[in-house]
Amino acid sequence: MTYRSRRAVLLGSLCCLAAATSGPARSAELVTLRINAFPNAKALPLHAGIATGIFERRGFRIELELTEGSRPQREGLASGKTHVAHSAVDNALAMIEVAKEDVVIVSGGDSGMNEFFVQGNINGFADLRGRSLVVDAPDTAYALQLKKILAQDGLKEGDYKINPVGAGPFRFKALMEDKSNAGGILNLPFTVQAEAAGMKSLGRTIDMLGAYQAAGAFAMRAWAEKNRDTLERYLAAYIECIRWVRAPANKAQGVAILVDKLKLSTREAERTHELLLDPAFGFTPDAAFDREGFKNVLALRAELERKAGTAVPAPERYVDLSYYEGAMKLLGR
């Protein structure tokens, strides 16, 4: 079967599934939620929930915005343009600590699915001295991971240059189009594409840094408190989406969504989907929150961003899992 015919079959099955599950329009009854996420493979549960009617059956019309970077995402949440953000929870910490916004983290998601990729002529971290490295923004989660990994290998800030270019698609594009950018941290599907393009992985970040609570959902605390029922129902729907993605029976439809939304080849989408389901690397079952991983997030941020001599805050300052627990009760657990 040719690539085009395989793609047609996958997209056809996705369209049939969406048509079968959408049912009659109930727009007058649906609550509109504005959700912001990054344009990478981790958005698959959101795309799937919209396509299969999971969100609609929970009473929601989802307006999904895919951000160009962490800064516009933070600004959208603070302004009320966005209701819930799915992103590295370190972005919530930055909103609280730097912008003094009252944000609350309400669920987990994954450990990052991150790898440190470099150009094919780079043989190790020592070769990055004096070179330019791409990040989203200098003060965001994965930039901090990059700095910590380099410090572990003897490179301190000033030994390399930081080039803030934005979200994953822009980091991958910068590495592809300008070889003076020596490397950076990428996640799915860009790790799959980078490897195919001849770039090298110097390792997964969780292997180099240990447990890490990377992606999660967060919202402005005032909105969350005022809309507890809505937020709990949304999280229940999102957990259903995670379960749908992780179910083997839905692999073909999941691959079709990746092909369609991320403009991947079938081969790239299949490999990406395989890694998304890797229990040690991909989606955390039910978007559970990793408390130990979050302690490492706080410790890393304290080491690299917090003023010397100040204590690491308690995790409870940033996280309220009562919304998640309410969502799990709605799901019968």
C-alpha atoms as a PDB file:
ATOM      1  CA  MET A   1       0.000   0.000   0.000  1.00  0.00           C
ATOM      2  CA  THR A   2       1.416   3.437  -0.920  1.00  0.00           C
ATOM      3  CA  TYR A   3       1.914   6.218   1.601  1.00  0.00           C
ATOM      4  CA  ARG A   4      -1.013   8.177   0.124  1.00  0.00           C
ATOM      5  CA  SER A   5      -3.368   5.214   0.265  1.00  0.00           C
ATOM      6  CA  ARG A   6      -2.347   4.382   3.847  1.00  0.00           C
ATOM      7  CA  ARG A   7      -2.926   8.010   4.818  1.00  0.00           C
ATOM      8  CA  ALA A   8      -6.339   8.000   3.114  1.00  0.00           C
ATOM      9  CA  VAL A   9      -7.360   4.854   4.995  1.00  0.00           C
ATOM     10  CA  LEU A  10      -6.267   6.301   8.328  1.00  0.00           C
ATOM     11  CA  LEU A  11      -7.969   9.634   7.760  1.00  0.00           C
ATOM     12  CA  GLY A  12     -11.085   7.868   6.500  1.00  0.00           C
ATOM     13  CA  SER A  13     -11.312   5.801   9.669  1.00  0.00           C
ATOM     14  CA  LEU A  14     -10.870   8.951  11.754  1.00  0.00           C
ATOM     15  CA  CYS A  15     -13.635  10.776   9.903  1.00  0.00           C
ATOM     16  CA  CYS A  16     -15.976   7.814  10.285  1.00  0.00           C
ATOM     17  CA  LEU A  17     -15.243   7.675  13.998  1.00  0.00           C
ATOM     18  CA  ALA A  18     -15.903  11.375  14.435  1.00  0.00           C
ATOM     19  CA  ALA A  19     -19.164  11.155  12.488  1.00  0.00           C
ATOM     20  CA  ALA A  20     -20.316   8.161  14.494  1.00  0.00           C
ATOM     21  CA  THR A  21     -19.658   9.763  17.851  1.00  0.00           C
ATOM     22  CA  SER A  22     -20.556  13.411  17.290  1.00  0.00           C
ATOM     23  CA  GLY A  23     -24.332  12.935  17.288  1.00  0.00           C
ATOM     24  CA  PRO A  24     -26.749  15.786  16.823  1.00  0.00           C
ATOM     25  CA  ALA A  25     -25.595  19.305  17.532  1.00  0.00           C
ATOM     26  CA  ARG A  26     -26.181  20.407  21.085  1.00  0.00           C
ATOM     27  CA  SER A  27     -24.434  23.772  20.849  1.00  0.00           C
ATOM     28  CA  ALA A  28     -26.937  25.535  23.108  1.00  0.00           C
ATOM     29  CA  GLU A  29     -26.158  23.114  25.950  1.00  0.00           C
ATOM     30  CA  LEU A  30     -22.386  23.049  25.627  1.00  0.00           C
ATOM     31  CA  VAL A  31     -20.013  25.035  27.824  1.00  0.00           C
ATOM     32  CA  THR A  32     -17.226  26.665  25.831  1.00  0.00           C
ATOM     33  CA  LEU A  33     -13.745  26.182  27.252  1.00  0.00           C
ATOM     34  CA  ARG A  34     -10.676  27.855  25.806  1.00  0.00           C
ATOM     35  CA  ILE A  35      -7.741  25.470  26.125  1.00  0.00           C
ATOM     36  CA  ASN A  36      -4.127  26.300  25.290  1.00  0.00           C
ATOM     37  CA  ALA A  37      -1.434  23.712  24.535  1.00  0.00           C
ATOM     38  CA  PHE A  38       1.765  23.317  22.564  1.00  0.00           C
ATOM     39  CA  PRO A  39       1.677  22.166  18.922  1.00  0.00           C
ATOM     40  CA  ASN A  40       3.378  18.836  19.546  1.00  0.00           C
ATOM     41  CA  ALA A  41       2.416  15.188  19.990  1.00  0.00           C
ATOM     42  CA  LYS A  42       1.364  15.787  23.591  1.00  0.00           C
ATOM     43  CA  ALA A  43      -1.716  17.567  22.248  1.00  0.00           C
ATOM     44  CA  LEU A  44      -2.984  14.244  20.860  1.00  0.00           C
ATOM     45  CA  PRO A  45      -5.484  13.647  23.725  1.00  0.00           C
ATOM     46  CA  LEU A  46      -6.999  17.091  23.105  1.00  0.00           C
ATOM     47  CA  HIS A  47      -7.301  16.533  19.360  1.00  0.00           C
ATOM     48  CA  ALA A  48      -8.717  13.046  19.968  1.00  0.00           C
ATOM     49  CA  GLY A  49     -11.228  14.297  22.522  1.00  0.00           C
ATOM     50  CA  ILE A  50     -12.551  16.832  20.031  1.00  0.00           C
ATOM     51  CA  ALA A  51     -12.606  14.387  17.097  1.00  0.00           C
ATOM     52  CA  THR A  52     -14.287  11.530  18.954  1.00  0.00           C
ATOM     53  CA  GLY A  53     -16.833  13.597  20.870  1.00  0.00           C
ATOM     54  CA  ILE A  54     -15.438  12.844  24.342  1.00  0.00           C
ATOM     55  CA  PHE A  55     -15.491  16.510  25.333  1.00  0.00           C
ATOM     56  CA  GLU A  56     -18.934  17.042  23.823  1.00  0.00           C
ATOM     57  CA  ARG A  57     -20.371  14.125  25.761  1.00  0.00           C
ATOM     58  CA  ARG A  58     -19.062  15.750  28.941  1.00  0.00           C
ATOM     59  CA  GLY A  59     -20.841  18.964  27.936  1.00  0.00           C
ATOM     60  CA  PHE A  60     -17.992  20.992  26.422  1.00  0.00           C
ATOM     61  CA  ARG A  61     -17.207  22.823  23.231  1.00  0.00           C
ATOM     62  CA  ILE A  62     -13.413  23.064  23.192  1.00  0.00           C
ATOM     63  CA  GLU A  63     -11.687  26.002  21.547  1.00  0.00           C
ATOM     64  CA  LEU A  64      -8.122  24.731  21.248  1.00  0.00           C
ATOM     65  CA  GLU A  65      -5.313  27.224  20.711  1.00  0.00           C
ATOM     66  CA  LEU A  66      -1.815  25.937  19.945  1.00  0.00           C
ATOM     67  CA  THR A  67       0.724  28.376  21.324  1.00  0.00           C
ATOM     68  CA  GLU A  68       3.893  29.648  19.677  1.00  0.00           C
ATOM     69  CA  GLY A  69       5.703  29.636  23.008  1.00  0.00           C
ATOM     70  CA  SER A  70       5.460  29.662  26.771  1.00  0.00           C
ATOM     71  CA  ARG A  71       5.314  33.433  27.128  1.00  0.00           C
ATOM     72  CA  PRO A  72       2.182  33.971  25.013  1.00  0.00           C
ATOM     73  CA  GLN A  73       0.645  30.970  26.754  1.00  0.00           C
ATOM     74  CA  ARG A  74       1.258  32.513  30.183  1.00  0.00           C
ATOM     75  CA  GLU A  75      -0.042  35.884  29.034  1.00  0.00           C
ATOM     76  CA  GLY A  76      -3.212  34.318  27.627  1.00  0.00           C
ATOM     77  CA  LEU A  77      -3.945  32.513  30.872  1.00  0.00           C
ATOM     78  CA  ALA A  78      -3.311  35.598  33.024  1.00  0.00           C
ATOM     79  CA  SER A  79      -5.542  37.781  30.835  1.00  0.00           C
ATOM     80  CA  GLY A  80      -8.466  35.351  30.900  1.00  0.00           C
ATOM     81  CA  LYS A  81      -8.167  34.561  27.202  1.00  0.00           C
ATOM     82  CA  THR A  82      -7.381  30.967  28.200  1.00  0.00           C
ATOM     83  CA  HIS A  83      -9.231  28.919  30.818  1.00  0.00           C
ATOM     84  CA  VAL A  84      -6.863  25.943  31.149  1.00  0.00           C
ATOM     85  CA  ALA A  85      -3.291  25.539  29.931  1.00  0.00           C
ATOM     86  CA  HIS A  86      -1.554  22.237  29.236  1.00  0.00           C
ATOM     87  CA  SER A  87       2.181  22.782  29.416  1.00  0.00           C
ATOM     88  CA  ALA A  88       5.282  22.255  31.512  1.00  0.00           C
ATOM     89  CA  VAL A  89       4.174  22.996  35.069  1.00  0.00           C
ATOM     90  CA  ASP A  90       7.332  25.052  35.484  1.00  0.00           C
ATOM     91  CA  ASN A  91       5.495  27.691  33.457  1.00  0.00           C
ATOM     92  CA  ALA A  92       2.939  27.871  36.242  1.00  0.00           C
ATOM     93  CA  LEU A  93       5.781  28.307  38.739  1.00  0.00           C
ATOM     94  CA  ALA A  94       7.201  31.142  36.654  1.00  0.00           C
ATOM     95  CA  MET A  95       3.791  32.840  36.612  1.00  0.00           C
ATOM     96  CA  ILE A  96       3.595  32.576  40.396  1.00  0.00           C
ATOM     97  CA  GLU A  97       7.191  33.423  41.271  1.00  0.00           C
ATOM     98  CA  VAL A  98       8.059  35.995  38.608  1.00  0.00           C
ATOM     99  CA  ALA A  99       4.790  37.481  37.352  1.00  0.00           C
ATOM    100  CA  LYS A 100       3.083  37.168  40.782  1.00  0.00           C
ATOM    101  CA  GLU A 101      -0.014  35.601  39.210  1.00  0.00           C
ATOM    102  CA  ASP A 102      -2.162  33.297  41.356  1.00  0.00           C
ATOM    103  CA  VAL A 103      -2.046  30.091  39.323  1.00  0.00           C
ATOM    104  CA  VAL A 104      -2.826  26.561  40.486  1.00  0.00           C
ATOM    105  CA  ILE A 105      -1.626  23.258  39.020  1.00  0.00           C
ATOM    106  CA  VAL A 106      -4.487  20.755  38.893  1.00  0.00           C
ATOM    107  CA  SER A 107      -3.133  17.608  37.209  1.00  0.00           C
ATOM    108  CA  GLY A 108      -0.096  15.883  35.817  1.00  0.00           C
ATOM    109  CA  GLY A 109       0.454  14.665  32.281  1.00  0.00           C
ATOM    110  CA  ASP A 110       3.911  13.304  31.522  1.00  0.00           C
ATOM    111  CA  SER A 111       7.600  13.506  32.404  1.00  0.00           C
ATOM    112  CA  GLY A 112       8.489  15.615  29.376  1.00  0.00           C
ATOM    113  CA  MET A 113       9.239  13.093  26.614  1.00  0.00           C
ATOM    114  CA  ASN A 114      12.406  15.152  26.183  1.00  0.00           C
ATOM    115  CA  GLU A 115      15.745  14.319  24.616  1.00  0.00           C
ATOM    116  CA  PHE A 116      18.858  16.448  24.181  1.00  0.00           C
ATOM    117  CA  PHE A 117      19.427  16.494  20.410  1.00  0.00           C
ATOM    118  CA  VAL A 118      22.494  17.892  18.656  1.00  0.00           C
ATOM    119  CA  GLN A 119      23.742  18.252  15.102  1.00  0.00           C
ATOM    120  CA  GLY A 120      25.304  15.180  13.544  1.00  0.00           C
ATOM    121  CA  ASN A 121      28.861  16.534  13.848  1.00  0.00           C
ATOM    122  CA  ILE A 122      28.595  16.926  17.642  1.00  0.00           C
ATOM    123  CA  ASN A 123      30.128  14.021  19.534  1.00  0.00           C
ATOM    124  CA  GLY A 124      29.326  14.994  23.120  1.00  0.00           C
ATOM    125  CA  PHE A 125      28.504  17.815  25.515  1.00  0.00           C
ATOM    126  CA  ALA A 126      32.089  19.112  25.459  1.00  0.00           C
ATOM    127  CA  ASP A 127      31.627  19.968  21.768  1.00  0.00           C
ATOM    128  CA  LEU A 128      28.890  22.447  22.732  1.00  0.00           C
ATOM    129  CA  ARG A 129      31.313  24.900  24.320  1.00  0.00           C
ATOM    130  CA  GLY A 130      30.975  28.245  22.546  1.00  0.00           C
ATOM    131  CA  ARG A 131      28.043  27.018  20.474  1.00  0.00           C
ATOM    132  CA  SER A 132      24.433  28.248  20.231  1.00  0.00           C
ATOM    133  CA  LEU A 133      21.615  26.157  21.756  1.00  0.00           C
ATOM    134  CA  VAL A 134      17.917  26.641  21.023  1.00  0.00           C
ATOM    135  CA  VAL A 135      15.294  26.948  23.780  1.00  0.00           C
ATOM    136  CA  ASP A 136      11.692  28.100  24.103  1.00  0.00           C
ATOM    137  CA  ALA A 137      12.415  30.958  26.522  1.00  0.00           C
ATOM    138  CA  PRO A 138      15.469  31.207  28.795  1.00  0.00           C
ATOM    139  CA  ASP A 139      13.509  30.900  32.042  1.00  0.00           C
ATOM    140  CA  THR A 140      11.241  27.976  31.102  1.00  0.00           C
ATOM    141  CA  ALA A 141      11.287  24.379  32.241  1.00  0.00           C
ATOM    142  CA  TYR A 142      13.213  22.710  29.466  1.00  0.00           C
ATOM    143  CA  ALA A 143      15.734  25.554  29.211  1.00  0.00           C
ATOM    144  CA  LEU A 144      16.438  24.950  32.902  1.00  0.00           C
ATOM    145  CA  GLN A 145      16.860  21.245  32.195  1.00  0.00           C
ATOM    146  CA  LEU A 146      19.299  22.102  29.424  1.00  0.00           C
ATOM    147  CA  LYS A 147      21.346  24.342  31.728  1.00  0.00           C
ATOM    148  CA  LYS A 148      21.436  21.713  34.478  1.00  0.00           C
ATOM    149  CA  ILE A 149      22.507  18.926  32.108  1.00  0.00           C
ATOM    150  CA  LEU A 150      25.300  21.093  30.704  1.00  0.00           C
ATOM    151  CA  ALA A 151      26.420  22.043  34.231  1.00  0.00           C
ATOM    152  CA  GLN A 152      26.653  18.357  35.107  1.00  0.00           C
ATOM    153  CA  ASP A 153      29.048  18.011  32.170  1.00  0.00           C
ATOM    154  CA  GLY A 154      31.199  20.970  33.165  1.00  0.00           C
ATOM    155  CA  LEU A 155      29.626  23.725  31.075  1.00  0.00           C
ATOM    156  CA  LYS A 156      28.407  26.774  32.968  1.00  0.00           C
ATOM    157  CA  GLU A 157      26.296  29.650  31.674  1.00  0.00           C
ATOM    158  CA  GLY A 158      28.556  31.776  29.495  1.00  0.00           C
ATOM    159  CA  ASP A 159      30.288  28.731  28.036  1.00  0.00           C
ATOM    160  CA  TYR A 160      27.490  28.517  25.441  1.00  0.00           C
ATOM    161  CA  LYS A 161      24.879  30.791  23.893  1.00  0.00           C
ATOM    162  CA  ILE A 162      21.109  30.572  24.392  1.00  0.00           C
ATOM    163  CA  ASN A 163      18.903  31.208  21.369  1.00  0.00           C
ATOM    164  CA  PRO A 164      15.226  31.556  22.414  1.00  0.00           C
ATOM    165  CA  VAL A 165      13.144  30.622  19.370  1.00  0.00           C
ATOM    166  CA  GLY A 166       9.872  29.324  20.851  1.00  0.00           C
ATOM    167  CA  ALA A 167       7.938  26.075  20.946  1.00  0.00           C
ATOM    168  CA  GLY A 168       9.056  22.663  19.677  1.00  0.00           C
ATOM    169  CA  PRO A 169       8.277  23.250  15.976  1.00  0.00           C
ATOM    170  CA  PHE A 170      10.408  26.398  16.000  1.00  0.00           C
ATOM    171  CA  ARG A 171      13.298  24.713  17.820  1.00  0.00           C
ATOM    172  CA  PHE A 172      13.285  21.856  15.337  1.00  0.00           C
ATOM    173  CA  LYS A 173      13.049  24.311  12.413  1.00  0.00           C
ATOM    174  CA  ALA A 174      15.950  26.357  13.807  1.00  0.00           C
ATOM    175  CA  LEU A 175      18.122  23.239  14.085  1.00  0.00           C
ATOM    176  CA  MET A 176      17.219  22.128  10.568  1.00  0.00           C
ATOM    177  CA  GLU A 177      17.700  25.479   8.846  1.00  0.00           C
ATOM    178  CA  ASP A 178      20.681  26.934  10.696  1.00  0.00           C
ATOM    179  CA  LYS A 179      23.509  24.537  11.551  1.00  0.00           C
ATOM    180  CA  SER A 180      25.114  27.184  13.766  1.00  0.00           C
ATOM    181  CA  ASN A 181      22.469  26.106  16.269  1.00  0.00           C
ATOM    182  CA  ALA A 182      24.288  23.116  17.729  1.00  0.00           C
ATOM    183  CA  GLY A 183      21.441  21.522  19.660  1.00  0.00           C
ATOM    184  CA  GLY A 184      18.585  21.793  22.105  1.00  0.00           C
ATOM    185  CA  ILE A 185      15.959  19.833  23.972  1.00  0.00           C
ATOM    186  CA  LEU A 186      13.213  18.399  21.766  1.00  0.00           C
ATOM    187  CA  ASN A 187      10.126  16.306  22.434  1.00  0.00           C
ATOM    188  CA  LEU A 188       7.760  14.265  20.278  1.00  0.00           C
ATOM    189  CA  PRO A 189       7.341  14.225  17.314  1.00  0.00           C
ATOM    190  CA  PHE A 190      10.419  16.391  16.735  1.00  0.00           C
ATOM    191  CA  THR A 191      12.799  13.834  18.262  1.00  0.00           C
ATOM    192  CA  VAL A 192      11.586  11.295  15.696  1.00  0.00           C
ATOM    193  CA  GLN A 193      12.062  13.797  12.865  1.00  0.00           C
ATOM    194  CA  ALA A 194      15.450  14.968  14.158  1.00  0.00           C
ATOM    195  CA  GLU A 195      16.764  11.417  14.280  1.00  0.00           C
ATOM    196  CA  ALA A 196      15.543  10.797  10.731  1.00  0.00           C
ATOM    197  CA  ALA A 197      17.348  13.981   9.639  1.00  0.00           C
ATOM    198  CA  GLY A 198      20.685  12.699  10.967  1.00  0.00           C
ATOM    199  CA  MET A 199      20.817  14.497  14.308  1.00  0.00           C
ATOM    200  CA  LYS A 200      22.056  12.711  17.431  1.00  0.00           C
ATOM    201  CA  SER A 201      20.435  12.195  20.805  1.00  0.00           C
ATOM    202  CA  LEU A 202      22.755  12.686  23.769  1.00  0.00           C
ATOM    203  CA  GLY A 203      20.117  11.107  26.003  1.00  0.00           C
ATOM    204  CA  ARG A 204      16.679  11.439  27.551  1.00  0.00           C
ATOM    205  CA  THR A 205      16.359  14.132  30.180  1.00  0.00           C
ATOM    206  CA  ILE A 206      14.725  11.785  32.708  1.00  0.00           C
ATOM    207  CA  ASP A 207      17.767   9.508  32.452  1.00  0.00           C
ATOM    208  CA  MET A 208      20.120  12.435  33.078  1.00  0.00           C
ATOM    209  CA  LEU A 209      18.088  14.311  35.713  1.00  0.00           C
ATOM    210  CA  GLY A 210      15.808  11.714  37.291  1.00  0.00           C
ATOM    211  CA  ALA A 211      12.060  11.840  37.881  1.00  0.00           C
ATOM    212  CA  TYR A 212      10.465  15.042  36.621  1.00  0.00           C
ATOM    213  CA  GLN A 213       6.870  16.266  36.615  1.00  0.00           C
ATOM    214  CA  ALA A 214       6.896  18.047  33.288  1.00  0.00           C
ATOM    215  CA  ALA A 215       3.558  18.593  31.572  1.00  0.00           C
ATOM    216  CA  GLY A 216       0.377  19.218  33.519  1.00  0.00           C
ATOM    217  CA  ALA A 217      -2.789  21.287  33.510  1.00  0.00           C
ATOM    218  CA  PHE A 218      -3.048  24.607  35.324  1.00  0.00           C
ATOM    219  CA  ALA A 219      -5.473  27.508  35.615  1.00  0.00           C
ATOM    220  CA  MET A 220      -5.898  30.813  37.405  1.00  0.00           C
ATOM    221  CA  ARG A 221      -6.854  29.948  40.974  1.00  0.00           C
ATOM    222  CA  ALA A 222      -9.794  32.379  41.103  1.00  0.00           C
ATOM    223  CA  TRP A 223     -11.300  30.878  37.952  1.00  0.00           C
ATOM    224  CA  ALA A 224     -10.757  27.334  39.234  1.00  0.00           C
ATOM    225  CA  GLU A 225     -12.440  28.067  42.555  1.00  0.00           C
ATOM    226  CA  LYS A 226     -15.392  29.774  40.890  1.00  0.00           C
ATOM    227  CA  ASN A 227     -15.801  26.987  38.331  1.00  0.00           C
ATOM    228  CA  ARG A 228     -14.951  23.876  40.358  1.00  0.00           C
ATOM    229  CA  ASP A 229     -17.657  21.703  38.813  1.00  0.00           C
ATOM    230  CA  THR A 230     -16.666  22.744  35.290  1.00  0.00           C
ATOM    231  CA  LEU A 231     -12.977  22.131  35.936  1.00  0.00           C
ATOM    232  CA  GLU A 232     -13.601  18.712  37.488  1.00  0.00           C
ATOM    233  CA  ARG A 233     -15.770  17.678  34.534  1.00  0.00           C
ATOM    234  CA  TYR A 234     -13.131  18.956  32.125  1.00  0.00           C
ATOM    235  CA  LEU A 235     -10.376  16.976  33.863  1.00  0.00           C
ATOM    236  CA  ALA A 236     -12.595  13.882  33.813  1.00  0.00           C
ATOM    237  CA  ALA A 237     -13.013  14.333  30.057  1.00  0.00           C
ATOM    238  CA  TYR A 238      -9.268  14.863  29.607  1.00  0.00           C
ATOM    239  CA  ILE A 239      -8.505  11.675  31.559  1.00  0.00           C
ATOM    240  CA  GLU A 240     -10.948   9.868  29.271  1.00  0.00           C
ATOM    241  CA  CYS A 241      -8.973  11.249  26.323  1.00  0.00           C
ATOM    242  CA  ILE A 242      -5.714   9.916  27.798  1.00  0.00           C
ATOM    243  CA  ARG A 243      -7.348   6.503  28.236  1.00  0.00           C
ATOM    244  CA  TRP A 244      -8.606   6.599  24.658  1.00  0.00           C
ATOM    245  CA  VAL A 245      -5.134   7.400  23.319  1.00  0.00           C
ATOM    246  CA  ARG A 246      -3.513   4.635  25.378  1.00  0.00           C
ATOM    247  CA  ALA A 247      -6.055   1.966  24.346  1.00  0.00           C
ATOM    248  CA  PRO A 248      -4.504  -0.407  21.749  1.00  0.00           C
ATOM    249  CA  ALA A 249      -7.779  -0.589  19.820  1.00  0.00           C
ATOM    250  CA  ASN A 250      -7.499   3.130  18.984  1.00  0.00           C
ATOM    251  CA  LYS A 251      -3.982   3.043  17.547  1.00  0.00           C
ATOM    252  CA  ALA A 252      -5.018   3.536  13.896  1.00  0.00           C
ATOM    253  CA  GLN A 253      -7.222   6.517  14.727  1.00  0.00           C
ATOM    254  CA  GLY A 254      -4.508   7.993  16.952  1.00  0.00           C
ATOM    255  CA  VAL A 255      -1.922   7.675  14.199  1.00  0.00           C
ATOM    256  CA  ALA A 256      -4.369   9.279  11.760  1.00  0.00           C
ATOM    257  CA  ILE A 257      -4.782  12.278  14.041  1.00  0.00           C
ATOM    258  CA  LEU A 258      -1.009  12.700  14.309  1.00  0.00           C
ATOM    259  CA  VAL A 259      -0.689  12.539  10.520  1.00  0.00           C
ATOM    260  CA  ASP A 260      -3.444  15.102  10.080  1.00  0.00           C
ATOM    261  CA  LYS A 261      -2.697  17.579  12.859  1.00  0.00           C
ATOM    262  CA  LEU A 262       1.113  17.481  12.865  1.00  0.00           C
ATOM    263  CA  LYS A 263       1.594  16.869   9.130  1.00  0.00           C
ATOM    264  CA  LEU A 264       3.710  13.775   9.749  1.00  0.00           C
ATOM    265  CA  SER A 265       4.380  10.878   7.446  1.00  0.00           C
ATOM    266  CA  THR A 266       2.676   7.641   8.448  1.00  0.00           C
ATOM    267  CA  ARG A 267       6.028   6.203   9.506  1.00  0.00           C
ATOM    268  CA  GLU A 268       6.817   9.236  11.704  1.00  0.00           C
ATOM    269  CA  ALA A 269       3.324   9.147  13.211  1.00  0.00           C
ATOM    270  CA  GLU A 270       3.520   5.443  14.000  1.00  0.00           C
ATOM    271  CA  ARG A 271       6.891   5.815  15.734  1.00  0.00           C
ATOM    272  CA  THR A 272       5.659   8.879  17.622  1.00  0.00           C
ATOM    273  CA  HIS A 273       2.539   7.031  18.738  1.00  0.00           C
ATOM    274  CA  GLU A 274       4.653   4.100  19.930  1.00  0.00           C
ATOM    275  CA  LEU A 275       6.772   6.409  22.108  1.00  0.00           C
ATOM    276  CA  LEU A 276       3.726   8.244  23.458  1.00  0.00           C
ATOM    277  CA  LEU A 277       2.574   4.920  24.888  1.00  0.00           C
ATOM    278  CA  ASP A 278       5.986   3.935  26.295  1.00  0.00           C
ATOM    279  CA  PRO A 279       5.240   3.497  30.042  1.00  0.00           C
ATOM    280  CA  ALA A 280       8.649   4.883  31.041  1.00  0.00           C
ATOM    281  CA  PHE A 281       8.608   7.836  28.652  1.00  0.00           C
ATOM    282  CA  GLY A 282       5.141   8.689  27.331  1.00  0.00           C
ATOM    283  CA  PHE A 283       1.815   9.749  28.808  1.00  0.00           C
ATOM    284  CA  THR A 284       1.336   9.097  32.513  1.00  0.00           C
ATOM    285  CA  PRO A 285      -1.752   6.904  32.967  1.00  0.00           C
ATOM    286  CA  ASP A 286      -4.786   9.040  33.870  1.00  0.00           C
ATOM    287  CA  ALA A 287      -2.588  12.182  33.874  1.00  0.00           C
ATOM    288  CA  ALA A 288      -1.599  11.397  37.461  1.00  0.00           C
ATOM    289  CA  PHE A 289       0.622  13.899  39.277  1.00  0.00           C
ATOM    290  CA  ASP A 290       4.149  12.768  40.189  1.00  0.00           C
ATOM    291  CA  ARG A 291       4.850  14.309  43.597  1.00  0.00           C
ATOM    292  CA  GLU A 292       8.494  13.223  43.704  1.00  0.00           C
ATOM    293  CA  GLY A 293       9.012  14.469  40.170  1.00  0.00           C
ATOM    294  CA  PHE A 294       7.521  17.821  41.160  1.00  0.00           C
ATOM    295  CA  LYS A 295       9.942  18.127  44.082  1.00  0.00           C
ATOM    296  CA  ASN A 296      12.723  17.815  41.521  1.00  0.00           C
ATOM    297  CA  VAL A 297      11.102  20.553  39.415  1.00  0.00           C
ATOM    298  CA  LEU A 298      11.081  22.848  42.450  1.00  0.00           C
ATOM    299  CA  ALA A 299      14.660  21.962  43.351  1.00  0.00           C
ATOM    300  CA  LEU A 300      15.895  22.634  39.820  1.00  0.00           C
ATOM    301  CA  ARG A 301      14.120  25.965  39.628  1.00  0.00           C
ATOM    302  CA  ALA A 302      15.443  26.917  43.070  1.00  0.00           C
ATOM    303  CA  GLU A 303      18.984  26.061  42.015  1.00  0.00           C
ATOM    304  CA  LEU A 304      18.923  28.010  38.760  1.00  0.00           C
ATOM    305  CA  GLU A 305      16.332  30.779  39.228  1.00  0.00           C
ATOM    306  CA  ARG A 306      15.747  31.462  42.939  1.00  0.00           C
ATOM    307  CA  LYS A 307      17.803  34.033  44.807  1.00  0.00           C
ATOM    308  CA  ALA A 308      20.577  32.581  46.926  1.00  0.00           C
ATOM    309  CA  GLY A 309      19.691  31.885  50.539  1.00  0.00           C
ATOM    310  CA  THR A 310      15.922  31.539  50.033  1.00  0.00           C
ATOM    311  CA  ALA A 311      14.205  28.275  50.854  1.00  0.00           C
ATOM    312  CA  VAL A 312      12.506  25.980  48.364  1.00  0.00           C
ATOM    313  CA  PRO A 313       8.728  26.450  48.838  1.00  0.00           C
ATOM    314  CA  ALA A 314       6.468  23.560  49.787  1.00  0.00           C
ATOM    315  CA  PRO A 315       4.726  21.920  46.801  1.00  0.00           C
ATOM    316  CA  GLU A 316       1.312  22.676  48.338  1.00  0.00           C
ATOM    317  CA  ARG A 317       1.814  26.344  47.518  1.00  0.00           C
ATOM    318  CA  TYR A 318       1.440  25.571  43.829  1.00  0.00           C
ATOM    319  CA  VAL A 319      -0.710  22.451  43.541  1.00  0.00           C
ATOM    320  CA  ASP A 320      -4.321  21.632  44.381  1.00  0.00           C
ATOM    321  CA  LEU A 321      -5.194  18.074  43.404  1.00  0.00           C
ATOM    322  CA  SER A 322      -8.720  18.237  44.844  1.00  0.00           C
ATOM    323  CA  TYR A 323      -9.962  19.070  41.333  1.00  0.00           C
ATOM    324  CA  TYR A 324      -8.240  15.972  39.976  1.00  0.00           C
ATOM    325  CA  GLU A 325      -9.632  13.841  42.797  1.00  0.00           C
ATOM    326  CA  GLY A 326     -13.107  15.167  41.988  1.00  0.00           C
ATOM    327  CA  ALA A 327     -12.590  14.225  38.353  1.00  0.00           C
ATOM    328  CA  MET A 328     -11.564  10.693  39.296  1.00  0.00           C
ATOM    329  CA  LYS A 329     -14.738  10.349  41.391  1.00  0.00           C
ATOM    330  CA  LEU A 330     -16.789  11.357  38.353  1.00  0.00           C
ATOM    331  CA  LEU A 331     -15.064   8.533  36.488  1.00  0.00           C
ATOM    332  CA  GLY A 332     -16.033   6.046  39.186  1.00  0.00           C
ATOM    333  CA  ARG A 333     -12.753   5.886  41.100  1.00  0.00           C
END
